[in-house]
Amino acid sequence: MTESLPADRAAAGPDQAGPADAAGWLTLPDVAERLDVSISKVHQMIRDRELLAVRRDGVRRVPTDLVANRTVLKHLPGVLNLLADAGYDDEAALRWLYEPDDTLPGTPAA
């Protein structure tokens, strides 16, 4: 049995979910700039499960498409809370958001 690392200490690897290229990710300062809020507010949004961040290449990052049009996707906080209540950690939630779903036209994130 393999043990999963906490989302904030996970090592980057090819099996990790999320956008495939570097352009698909924002650093937390980039998120703060895009949302026109302080970096402290971004950290609070992550703690409150209004936004999802995972560690990639040693840096906490947010998928770019979760922060569209200068706002967090409308239903993301509710989905993140439901996933957390179901026992998903941040990596598992990200994987769920980006896995193709036959009942949807693409992925839940899309």
Protein backbone atom coordinates (compact mmCIF):
# COMPACT_ATOMS: atom_id res chain seq x y z
CA MET A 1 0.00 0.00 0.00
CA THR A 2 1.32 3.46 -0.84
CA GLU A 3 0.95 6.36 1.51
CA SER A 4 0.00 9.72 0.06
CA LEU A 5 1.87 12.82 1.12
CA PRO A 6 0.01 15.83 2.46
CA ALA A 7 -0.85 18.21 -0.35
CA ASP A 8 1.53 20.90 0.90
CA ARG A 9 4.50 18.46 0.85
CA ALA A 10 3.72 16.45 -2.27
CA ALA A 11 6.56 16.16 -4.74
CA ALA A 12 5.88 17.09 -8.32
CA GLY A 13 5.58 14.17 -10.66
CA PRO A 14 4.01 13.06 -13.94
CA ASP A 15 1.14 11.28 -12.16
CA GLN A 16 -0.08 14.43 -10.43
CA ALA A 17 -3.34 15.95 -11.53
CA GLY A 18 -3.95 19.42 -12.85
CA PRO A 19 -2.91 21.44 -15.86
CA ALA A 20 -0.15 19.76 -17.85
CA ASP A 21 1.95 22.82 -18.65
CA ALA A 22 3.48 25.57 -16.55
CA ALA A 23 1.18 28.18 -18.15
CA GLY A 24 -1.75 26.38 -16.56
CA TRP A 25 -0.61 27.32 -13.05
CA LEU A 26 -0.47 30.54 -11.04
CA THR A 27 1.70 31.21 -8.00
CA LEU A 28 -0.08 32.65 -4.96
CA PRO A 29 1.27 36.18 -5.61
CA ASP A 30 -0.06 35.89 -9.20
CA VAL A 31 -3.46 34.86 -7.84
CA ALA A 32 -3.45 37.84 -5.48
CA GLU A 33 -2.68 40.16 -8.38
CA ARG A 34 -5.31 38.60 -10.63
CA LEU A 35 -8.01 38.84 -7.93
CA ASP A 36 -6.78 42.27 -6.78
CA VAL A 37 -6.50 41.11 -3.16
CA SER A 38 -3.65 40.78 -0.67
CA ILE A 39 -1.55 37.63 -0.45
CA SER A 40 -2.98 37.19 3.07
CA LYS A 41 -6.47 37.08 1.56
CA VAL A 42 -5.34 34.38 -0.89
CA HIS A 43 -4.00 32.29 2.01
CA GLN A 44 -7.31 32.79 3.84
CA MET A 45 -9.27 31.72 0.75
CA ILE A 46 -7.20 28.53 0.58
CA ARG A 47 -7.76 27.82 4.30
CA ASP A 48 -11.50 28.46 3.88
CA ARG A 49 -11.62 26.11 0.85
CA GLU A 50 -12.69 28.90 -1.47
CA LEU A 51 -9.63 28.14 -3.58
CA LEU A 52 -7.39 25.11 -4.14
CA ALA A 53 -3.59 25.25 -4.07
CA VAL A 54 -1.09 22.39 -4.32
CA ARG A 55 2.68 22.29 -4.26
CA ARG A 56 4.38 21.95 -7.65
CA ASP A 57 8.15 22.26 -8.04
CA GLY A 58 8.35 23.33 -4.40
CA VAL A 59 5.92 26.24 -4.85
CA ARG A 60 2.24 26.38 -3.94
CA ARG A 61 0.25 26.93 -7.12
CA VAL A 62 -3.36 27.28 -8.25
CA PRO A 63 -4.65 26.02 -11.61
CA THR A 64 -5.17 29.09 -13.80
CA ASP A 65 -8.61 28.02 -14.98
CA LEU A 66 -9.94 28.00 -11.39
CA VAL A 67 -9.35 31.76 -11.24
CA ALA A 68 -11.13 33.04 -14.35
CA ASN A 69 -12.16 36.57 -15.19
CA ARG A 70 -10.60 38.03 -12.05
CA THR A 71 -12.75 35.86 -9.77
CA VAL A 72 -12.81 32.34 -8.36
CA LEU A 73 -15.11 30.02 -10.29
CA LYS A 74 -18.61 30.41 -8.86
CA HIS A 75 -19.22 26.85 -7.65
CA LEU A 76 -15.64 25.99 -6.66
CA PRO A 77 -15.92 26.72 -2.91
CA GLY A 78 -19.00 24.50 -2.56
CA VAL A 79 -17.38 21.68 -4.54
CA LEU A 80 -14.16 21.92 -2.51
CA ASN A 81 -16.12 21.77 0.75
CA LEU A 82 -18.09 18.72 -0.41
CA LEU A 83 -14.90 16.97 -1.48
CA ALA A 84 -13.21 17.79 1.86
CA ASP A 85 -16.25 16.49 3.75
CA ALA A 86 -15.95 13.27 1.72
CA GLY A 87 -12.32 12.89 2.87
CA TYR A 88 -10.49 14.21 -0.20
CA ASP A 89 -7.17 15.96 0.45
CA ASP A 90 -6.06 18.76 -1.88
CA GLU A 91 -4.28 16.44 -4.32
CA ALA A 92 -7.28 14.08 -4.49
CA ALA A 93 -9.66 17.02 -5.00
CA LEU A 94 -7.47 18.33 -7.81
CA ARG A 95 -7.35 14.87 -9.39
CA TRP A 96 -11.17 14.64 -9.23
CA LEU A 97 -11.53 18.09 -10.82
CA TYR A 98 -9.26 17.18 -13.74
CA GLU A 99 -10.19 13.55 -14.48
CA PRO A 100 -12.40 13.16 -17.55
CA ASP A 101 -15.98 12.28 -16.62
CA ASP A 102 -18.16 10.45 -19.14
CA THR A 103 -21.27 12.17 -17.75
CA LEU A 104 -19.82 15.61 -18.52
CA PRO A 105 -18.44 17.23 -21.64
CA GLY A 106 -14.88 16.96 -20.31
CA THR A 107 -13.75 17.33 -16.71
CA PRO A 108 -15.55 18.72 -13.64
CA ALA A 109 -13.10 21.66 -13.67
CA ALA A 110 -14.13 22.55 -17.21
